[in-house]
Amino acid sequence: MLKVSETRIKNAKLNISLKFKSETEKEDILNNFLFKIANKQIKIIDDDKQFIFYLDDHYIRMVFENRLKSEEGITLNYEMNHERIKIEKANFINFLFVYSKKEEDYFIKKLEDELKKDELKNKIKKGAKKFTEKIIDVVTSISSEMLIKLIKGTIQW
């Protein structure tokens, strides 16, 4: 009789789902994840330069992390608890920018709506080439409430 542990079966299911689900299904998972953040079903904790949140659904975490790795080369920051996720604010904002498929000017406008315009203009690096470079100084002042408003303003449900 074969003995296979529950953990091994669960991990195999997660890996198969991650590899063989369609891109549309993965987009729905990410939309649902961002929707939960926007509607405060997933609590965001503000750290100095990071957003911290808890994801108890391993599949959502894997889809999110896979998307970050494949498109942005970013990995999530774990400690002992894999449900507790830390991500640099700049990386998460850049992920939102890329994921929202909005023009850079539109996205900056949404940031301006959340921050004082003078403060934003003073913090954006002039002549920066990458979007992340332009907002790197701004993101540390973004609170979780501002992030929620930014998600609601840029992501199409």
Foldseek 3Di string as FASTA:
>chain_A
DDDDDPVRVVVVVLVCCLPPPDPVVLLVLVVVVLVCLLVVVWPWDADQFKIKTFDPDVNSVVSVQVVCCVPPVDHWDDDPDPRITIDGQLSVLVVLVVSLPDDLVQLVVLVCVLDPVVVLVVQADPPDDDSSNRCVRPRSPQDSNSVSSSSVSRHDD
